[in-house]
N, C-alpha and C. Protein backbone atom coordinates (compact mmCIF):
# COMPACT_ATOMS: atom_id res chain seq x y z
N UNK A 1 64.46 107.69 254.11
CA UNK A 1 64.80 106.43 253.44
C UNK A 1 65.05 105.33 254.47
N UNK A 2 65.82 105.67 255.53
CA UNK A 2 66.11 104.68 256.56
C UNK A 2 64.81 104.18 257.21
N UNK A 3 63.89 105.13 257.45
CA UNK A 3 62.62 104.78 258.07
C UNK A 3 61.83 103.82 257.16
N UNK A 4 61.85 104.07 255.86
CA UNK A 4 61.15 103.21 254.91
C UNK A 4 61.75 101.80 254.90
N UNK A 5 63.06 101.69 254.93
CA UNK A 5 63.74 100.40 254.96
C UNK A 5 63.40 99.67 256.26
N UNK A 6 63.37 100.40 257.35
CA UNK A 6 63.05 99.81 258.66
C UNK A 6 61.62 99.26 258.67
N UNK A 7 60.67 100.04 258.13
CA UNK A 7 59.27 99.59 258.06
C UNK A 7 59.16 98.37 257.15
N UNK A 8 59.84 98.41 256.01
CA UNK A 8 59.81 97.28 255.09
C UNK A 8 60.40 96.04 255.75
N UNK A 9 61.49 96.20 256.46
CA UNK A 9 62.11 95.07 257.17
C UNK A 9 61.18 94.49 258.22
N UNK A 10 60.48 95.34 258.96
CA UNK A 10 59.52 94.89 259.97
C UNK A 10 58.37 94.14 259.31
N UNK A 11 57.87 94.67 258.18
CA UNK A 11 56.79 94.02 257.45
C UNK A 11 57.20 92.62 256.99
N UNK A 12 58.41 92.50 256.45
CA UNK A 12 58.92 91.20 255.99
C UNK A 12 59.02 90.24 257.17
N UNK A 13 59.56 90.69 258.30
CA UNK A 13 59.70 89.84 259.48
C UNK A 13 58.34 89.36 259.97
N UNK A 14 57.34 90.25 259.99
CA UNK A 14 56.00 89.87 260.44
C UNK A 14 55.41 88.81 259.52
N UNK A 15 55.58 88.98 258.22
CA UNK A 15 55.05 88.00 257.27
C UNK A 15 55.74 86.65 257.39
N UNK A 16 57.03 86.65 257.68
CA UNK A 16 57.75 85.39 257.88
C UNK A 16 57.22 84.69 259.12
N UNK A 17 56.98 85.43 260.19
CA UNK A 17 56.45 84.85 261.43
C UNK A 17 55.05 84.30 261.19
N UNK A 18 54.21 85.07 260.51
CA UNK A 18 52.85 84.62 260.22
C UNK A 18 52.87 83.39 259.33
N UNK A 19 53.69 83.38 258.30
CA UNK A 19 53.80 82.22 257.42
C UNK A 19 54.29 80.99 258.19
N UNK A 20 55.26 81.20 259.08
CA UNK A 20 55.76 80.10 259.90
C UNK A 20 54.69 79.54 260.81
N UNK A 21 53.89 80.41 261.40
CA UNK A 21 52.79 79.96 262.26
C UNK A 21 51.75 79.19 261.46
N UNK A 22 51.46 79.65 260.23
CA UNK A 22 50.49 78.96 259.38
C UNK A 22 50.98 77.57 259.01
N UNK A 23 52.27 77.44 258.73
CA UNK A 23 52.84 76.13 258.39
C UNK A 23 52.75 75.20 259.60
N UNK A 24 53.10 75.72 260.78
CA UNK A 24 53.03 74.90 262.00
C UNK A 24 51.59 74.47 262.26
N UNK A 25 50.65 75.39 262.07
CA UNK A 25 49.23 75.09 262.26
C UNK A 25 48.79 74.00 261.28
N UNK A 26 49.18 74.14 260.03
CA UNK A 26 48.83 73.15 259.02
C UNK A 26 49.41 71.79 259.36
N UNK A 27 50.66 71.76 259.81
CA UNK A 27 51.30 70.50 260.20
C UNK A 27 50.56 69.84 261.35
N UNK A 28 50.14 70.63 262.33
CA UNK A 28 49.43 70.09 263.49
C UNK A 28 48.07 69.54 263.08
N UNK A 29 47.38 70.25 262.21
CA UNK A 29 46.07 69.79 261.72
C UNK A 29 46.22 68.50 260.93
N UNK A 30 47.19 68.45 260.04
CA UNK A 30 47.41 67.24 259.26
C UNK A 30 47.81 66.07 260.16
N UNK A 31 48.57 66.34 261.18
CA UNK A 31 48.96 65.29 262.13
C UNK A 31 47.74 64.73 262.85
N UNK A 32 46.83 65.60 263.27
CA UNK A 32 45.61 65.15 263.95
C UNK A 32 44.81 64.23 263.06
N UNK A 33 44.61 64.64 261.81
CA UNK A 33 43.83 63.83 260.88
C UNK A 33 44.54 62.51 260.59
N UNK A 34 45.84 62.57 260.37
CA UNK A 34 46.62 61.35 260.09
C UNK A 34 46.55 60.37 261.26
N UNK A 35 46.67 60.88 262.46
CA UNK A 35 46.62 60.00 263.63
C UNK A 35 45.24 59.35 263.78
N UNK A 36 44.19 60.10 263.47
CA UNK A 36 42.87 59.50 263.55
C UNK A 36 42.72 58.40 262.50
N UNK A 37 43.18 58.67 261.29
CA UNK A 37 43.09 57.65 260.24
C UNK A 37 43.91 56.41 260.61
N UNK A 38 45.08 56.61 261.19
CA UNK A 38 45.90 55.47 261.64
C UNK A 38 45.15 54.67 262.70
N UNK A 39 44.45 55.36 263.60
CA UNK A 39 43.66 54.66 264.62
C UNK A 39 42.53 53.87 263.97
N UNK A 40 41.88 54.46 262.96
CA UNK A 40 40.83 53.72 262.24
C UNK A 40 41.39 52.46 261.61
N UNK A 41 42.55 52.59 260.95
CA UNK A 41 43.16 51.44 260.28
C UNK A 41 43.50 50.32 261.26
N UNK A 42 43.79 50.70 262.50
CA UNK A 42 44.12 49.72 263.54
C UNK A 42 42.88 49.26 264.31
N UNK A 43 41.71 49.71 263.86
CA UNK A 43 40.44 49.44 264.55
C UNK A 43 40.48 49.87 266.01
N UNK A 44 41.22 50.94 266.30
CA UNK A 44 41.30 51.50 267.65
C UNK A 44 40.35 52.70 267.70
N UNK A 45 39.07 52.40 267.86
CA UNK A 45 38.07 53.46 267.82
C UNK A 45 38.07 54.29 269.10
N UNK A 46 38.60 53.76 270.19
CA UNK A 46 38.77 54.58 271.39
C UNK A 46 39.74 55.73 271.09
N UNK A 47 40.87 55.40 270.49
CA UNK A 47 41.86 56.44 270.15
C UNK A 47 41.30 57.38 269.08
N UNK A 48 40.64 56.83 268.07
CA UNK A 48 40.08 57.66 267.00
C UNK A 48 39.05 58.64 267.55
N UNK A 49 38.25 58.19 268.49
CA UNK A 49 37.23 59.03 269.12
C UNK A 49 37.87 60.20 269.86
N UNK A 50 39.08 60.00 270.36
CA UNK A 50 39.81 61.04 271.07
C UNK A 50 40.20 62.22 270.19
N UNK A 51 40.21 62.04 268.88
CA UNK A 51 40.55 63.13 267.96
C UNK A 51 39.32 63.94 267.55
N UNK A 52 38.15 63.50 267.99
CA UNK A 52 36.90 64.22 267.71
C UNK A 52 36.75 65.38 268.68
N UNK A 53 36.11 66.44 268.22
CA UNK A 53 35.87 67.61 269.05
C UNK A 53 34.91 67.26 270.19
N UNK A 54 34.87 68.08 271.22
CA UNK A 54 33.91 67.85 272.31
C UNK A 54 32.47 67.79 271.80
N UNK A 55 32.13 68.58 270.81
CA UNK A 55 30.77 68.56 270.25
C UNK A 55 30.45 67.20 269.64
N UNK A 56 31.38 66.66 268.85
CA UNK A 56 31.15 65.34 268.24
C UNK A 56 31.14 64.24 269.29
N UNK A 57 31.98 64.39 270.29
CA UNK A 57 32.01 63.38 271.36
C UNK A 57 30.67 63.34 272.10
N UNK A 58 30.08 64.52 272.33
CA UNK A 58 28.76 64.57 272.98
C UNK A 58 27.69 63.98 272.05
N UNK A 59 27.80 64.28 270.77
CA UNK A 59 26.82 63.78 269.80
C UNK A 59 26.82 62.26 269.72
N UNK A 60 28.01 61.65 269.62
CA UNK A 60 28.10 60.19 269.45
C UNK A 60 28.17 59.44 270.77
N UNK A 61 28.56 60.08 271.83
CA UNK A 61 28.57 59.57 273.20
C UNK A 61 29.55 58.45 273.49
N UNK A 62 29.72 57.50 272.58
CA UNK A 62 30.63 56.39 272.84
C UNK A 62 31.47 56.09 271.59
N UNK A 63 32.64 55.48 271.79
CA UNK A 63 33.44 55.06 270.64
C UNK A 63 32.70 54.06 269.75
N UNK A 64 31.83 53.26 270.34
CA UNK A 64 31.09 52.27 269.56
C UNK A 64 30.10 52.95 268.60
N UNK A 65 29.41 53.98 269.09
CA UNK A 65 28.51 54.74 268.20
C UNK A 65 29.30 55.42 267.09
N UNK A 66 30.44 55.97 267.47
CA UNK A 66 31.32 56.64 266.52
C UNK A 66 31.79 55.63 265.46
N UNK A 67 32.15 54.44 265.89
CA UNK A 67 32.60 53.38 264.99
C UNK A 67 31.51 53.04 263.97
N UNK A 68 30.28 52.90 264.43
CA UNK A 68 29.18 52.57 263.50
C UNK A 68 29.01 53.67 262.45
N UNK A 69 29.13 54.93 262.86
CA UNK A 69 29.00 56.03 261.91
C UNK A 69 30.13 56.00 260.89
N UNK A 70 31.36 55.81 261.35
CA UNK A 70 32.51 55.84 260.44
C UNK A 70 32.49 54.66 259.48
N UNK A 71 32.32 53.45 260.00
CA UNK A 71 32.37 52.28 259.13
C UNK A 71 31.19 52.23 258.17
N UNK A 72 30.05 52.76 258.58
CA UNK A 72 28.88 52.77 257.72
C UNK A 72 28.84 53.93 256.74
N UNK A 73 29.30 55.09 257.18
CA UNK A 73 29.17 56.29 256.36
C UNK A 73 30.44 56.76 255.69
N UNK A 74 31.60 56.38 256.23
CA UNK A 74 32.87 56.85 255.69
C UNK A 74 33.88 55.70 255.56
N UNK A 75 33.52 54.65 254.83
CA UNK A 75 34.45 53.50 254.73
C UNK A 75 35.79 53.87 254.11
N UNK A 76 35.82 54.90 253.28
CA UNK A 76 37.08 55.31 252.65
C UNK A 76 38.06 55.87 253.68
N UNK A 77 37.55 56.40 254.78
CA UNK A 77 38.39 56.92 255.85
C UNK A 77 38.85 55.78 256.76
N UNK A 78 37.97 54.81 256.94
CA UNK A 78 38.27 53.67 257.80
C UNK A 78 39.33 52.77 257.18
N UNK A 79 39.28 52.60 255.87
CA UNK A 79 40.22 51.72 255.17
C UNK A 79 40.75 52.39 253.90
N UNK A 80 41.50 53.48 254.05
CA UNK A 80 41.99 54.15 252.85
C UNK A 80 43.15 53.40 252.20
N UNK A 81 43.25 53.52 250.89
CA UNK A 81 44.42 52.99 250.18
C UNK A 81 45.49 54.08 250.12
N UNK A 82 45.03 55.34 250.01
CA UNK A 82 45.98 56.47 249.93
C UNK A 82 45.30 57.71 250.50
N UNK A 83 46.10 58.52 251.21
CA UNK A 83 45.62 59.77 251.78
C UNK A 83 46.57 60.88 251.34
N UNK A 84 45.99 61.96 250.79
CA UNK A 84 46.82 63.09 250.38
C UNK A 84 46.16 64.38 250.85
N UNK A 85 46.94 65.21 251.51
CA UNK A 85 46.43 66.48 252.00
C UNK A 85 46.48 67.53 250.89
N UNK A 86 45.38 68.25 250.77
CA UNK A 86 45.28 69.33 249.81
C UNK A 86 45.35 70.64 250.59
N UNK A 87 44.59 71.65 250.19
CA UNK A 87 44.73 72.95 250.82
C UNK A 87 43.99 73.05 252.15
N UNK A 88 44.52 73.93 252.99
CA UNK A 88 43.89 74.32 254.24
C UNK A 88 43.31 75.70 253.99
N UNK A 89 42.03 75.88 254.29
CA UNK A 89 41.43 77.19 254.03
C UNK A 89 40.61 77.66 255.22
N UNK A 90 40.51 78.97 255.31
CA UNK A 90 39.72 79.63 256.35
C UNK A 90 38.40 80.03 255.71
N UNK A 91 37.31 79.49 256.23
CA UNK A 91 35.97 79.83 255.74
C UNK A 91 35.21 80.45 256.91
N UNK A 92 35.05 81.75 256.85
CA UNK A 92 34.34 82.49 257.90
C UNK A 92 34.90 82.20 259.29
N UNK A 93 36.22 82.15 259.40
CA UNK A 93 36.86 81.96 260.69
C UNK A 93 37.02 80.51 261.13
N UNK A 94 36.60 79.58 260.29
CA UNK A 94 36.74 78.15 260.59
C UNK A 94 37.75 77.56 259.62
N UNK A 95 38.69 76.78 260.15
CA UNK A 95 39.68 76.14 259.28
C UNK A 95 39.15 74.81 258.75
N UNK A 96 39.29 74.64 257.45
CA UNK A 96 38.89 73.42 256.76
C UNK A 96 40.10 72.84 256.05
N UNK A 97 40.40 71.59 256.35
CA UNK A 97 41.49 70.88 255.67
C UNK A 97 40.87 69.98 254.62
N UNK A 98 41.24 70.19 253.37
CA UNK A 98 40.75 69.34 252.29
C UNK A 98 41.70 68.15 252.16
N UNK A 99 41.12 66.95 252.07
CA UNK A 99 41.89 65.71 252.01
C UNK A 99 41.36 64.87 250.85
N UNK A 100 42.29 64.35 250.06
CA UNK A 100 41.93 63.44 248.97
C UNK A 100 42.24 62.02 249.43
N UNK A 101 41.21 61.20 249.46
CA UNK A 101 41.38 59.81 249.90
C UNK A 101 40.99 58.88 248.76
N UNK A 102 41.88 57.96 248.46
CA UNK A 102 41.59 56.91 247.49
C UNK A 102 41.21 55.68 248.28
N UNK A 103 40.04 55.10 247.97
CA UNK A 103 39.60 53.93 248.72
C UNK A 103 40.22 52.65 248.16
N UNK A 104 39.88 51.53 248.76
CA UNK A 104 40.46 50.25 248.37
C UNK A 104 40.10 49.83 246.95
N UNK A 105 39.03 50.40 246.39
CA UNK A 105 38.63 50.09 245.02
C UNK A 105 39.22 51.06 244.00
N UNK A 106 40.06 52.00 244.48
CA UNK A 106 40.68 52.96 243.59
C UNK A 106 39.83 54.20 243.31
N UNK A 107 38.72 54.33 244.00
CA UNK A 107 37.84 55.49 243.82
C UNK A 107 38.37 56.64 244.67
N UNK A 108 38.44 57.82 244.06
CA UNK A 108 38.96 59.01 244.75
C UNK A 108 37.80 59.78 245.38
N UNK A 109 38.00 60.19 246.64
CA UNK A 109 37.02 60.97 247.38
C UNK A 109 37.71 62.22 247.91
N UNK A 110 37.02 63.35 247.86
CA UNK A 110 37.53 64.58 248.45
C UNK A 110 36.69 64.87 249.68
N UNK A 111 37.35 65.03 250.82
CA UNK A 111 36.66 65.31 252.06
C UNK A 111 37.13 66.62 252.65
N UNK A 112 36.22 67.32 253.30
CA UNK A 112 36.55 68.53 254.02
C UNK A 112 36.49 68.24 255.51
N UNK A 113 37.60 68.47 256.19
CA UNK A 113 37.67 68.28 257.64
C UNK A 113 37.55 69.64 258.31
N UNK A 114 36.51 69.82 259.08
CA UNK A 114 36.32 71.06 259.84
C UNK A 114 37.10 70.92 261.14
N UNK A 115 38.02 71.85 261.37
CA UNK A 115 38.94 71.73 262.49
C UNK A 115 38.60 72.74 263.59
N UNK A 116 38.89 72.35 264.83
CA UNK A 116 38.64 73.19 265.98
C UNK A 116 39.87 73.13 266.89
N UNK A 117 40.41 74.30 267.21
CA UNK A 117 41.55 74.35 268.14
C UNK A 117 41.01 74.38 269.56
N UNK A 118 41.48 73.45 270.38
CA UNK A 118 41.04 73.34 271.77
C UNK A 118 42.26 73.42 272.69
N UNK A 119 42.02 73.41 273.98
CA UNK A 119 43.12 73.37 274.94
C UNK A 119 43.93 72.08 274.81
N UNK A 120 43.32 71.06 274.23
CA UNK A 120 43.96 69.76 274.05
C UNK A 120 44.55 69.60 272.64
N UNK A 121 44.68 70.71 271.91
CA UNK A 121 45.20 70.66 270.55
C UNK A 121 44.08 70.68 269.54
N UNK A 122 44.43 70.42 268.28
CA UNK A 122 43.45 70.44 267.20
C UNK A 122 42.57 69.21 267.25
N UNK A 123 41.27 69.42 267.09
CA UNK A 123 40.29 68.33 267.06
C UNK A 123 39.48 68.44 265.78
N UNK A 124 38.94 67.31 265.36
CA UNK A 124 38.11 67.25 264.17
C UNK A 124 36.67 67.54 264.59
N UNK A 125 36.09 68.57 263.98
CA UNK A 125 34.76 69.03 264.38
C UNK A 125 33.71 68.72 263.31
N UNK A 126 34.04 67.83 262.41
CA UNK A 126 33.10 67.43 261.37
C UNK A 126 33.86 67.08 260.10
N UNK A 127 33.27 66.20 259.32
CA UNK A 127 33.85 65.80 258.03
C UNK A 127 32.70 65.76 257.04
N UNK A 128 32.96 66.31 255.86
CA UNK A 128 31.93 66.23 254.83
C UNK A 128 32.55 65.78 253.51
N UNK A 129 31.80 64.97 252.82
CA UNK A 129 32.20 64.50 251.50
C UNK A 129 31.91 65.63 250.52
N UNK A 130 32.93 66.06 249.81
CA UNK A 130 32.79 67.18 248.88
C UNK A 130 32.57 66.65 247.46
N UNK A 131 31.89 67.44 246.65
CA UNK A 131 31.70 67.00 245.26
C UNK A 131 33.04 66.97 244.53
N UNK A 132 33.17 66.01 243.66
CA UNK A 132 34.38 65.91 242.85
C UNK A 132 34.36 67.01 241.81
N UNK A 133 35.53 67.61 241.56
CA UNK A 133 35.57 68.63 240.50
C UNK A 133 35.22 68.01 239.15
N UNK A 134 34.53 68.79 238.34
CA UNK A 134 34.16 68.32 236.99
C UNK A 134 35.39 68.47 236.10
N UNK A 135 35.91 67.33 235.66
CA UNK A 135 37.09 67.33 234.81
C UNK A 135 36.67 66.89 233.41
N UNK A 136 36.86 67.77 232.45
CA UNK A 136 36.52 67.40 231.08
C UNK A 136 37.56 67.98 230.13
N UNK A 137 37.67 67.36 228.98
CA UNK A 137 38.67 67.81 228.00
C UNK A 137 38.14 68.91 227.14
């Protein structure tokens, strides 16, 4: 009986540690995305570019190229009216943070942020516009 209680106690402790690590990871990922959006709002594309993964930085090469992509393709991220974090999920070993962004016209967009952990912290390794859920009565 004592052995069973000891094993159960160890299992509970491990799950608490894992849950705590997941919360910290989620907080760090949300912070990275929030800081990039704040940089976009301030038109500080040098800072915003710094939150991109090394792969995206190589792809766009300069903050100016990155700016053209964001302002042309993701205006809701550049000038959001509201940002709300939804679930963080693991898809085949890659973490995706789902974010609901309401644009200046009141239109709601759901975006998936593909995240990459680097030596320099969490970086954004891609963003995709997700289809809106079909809501019907």
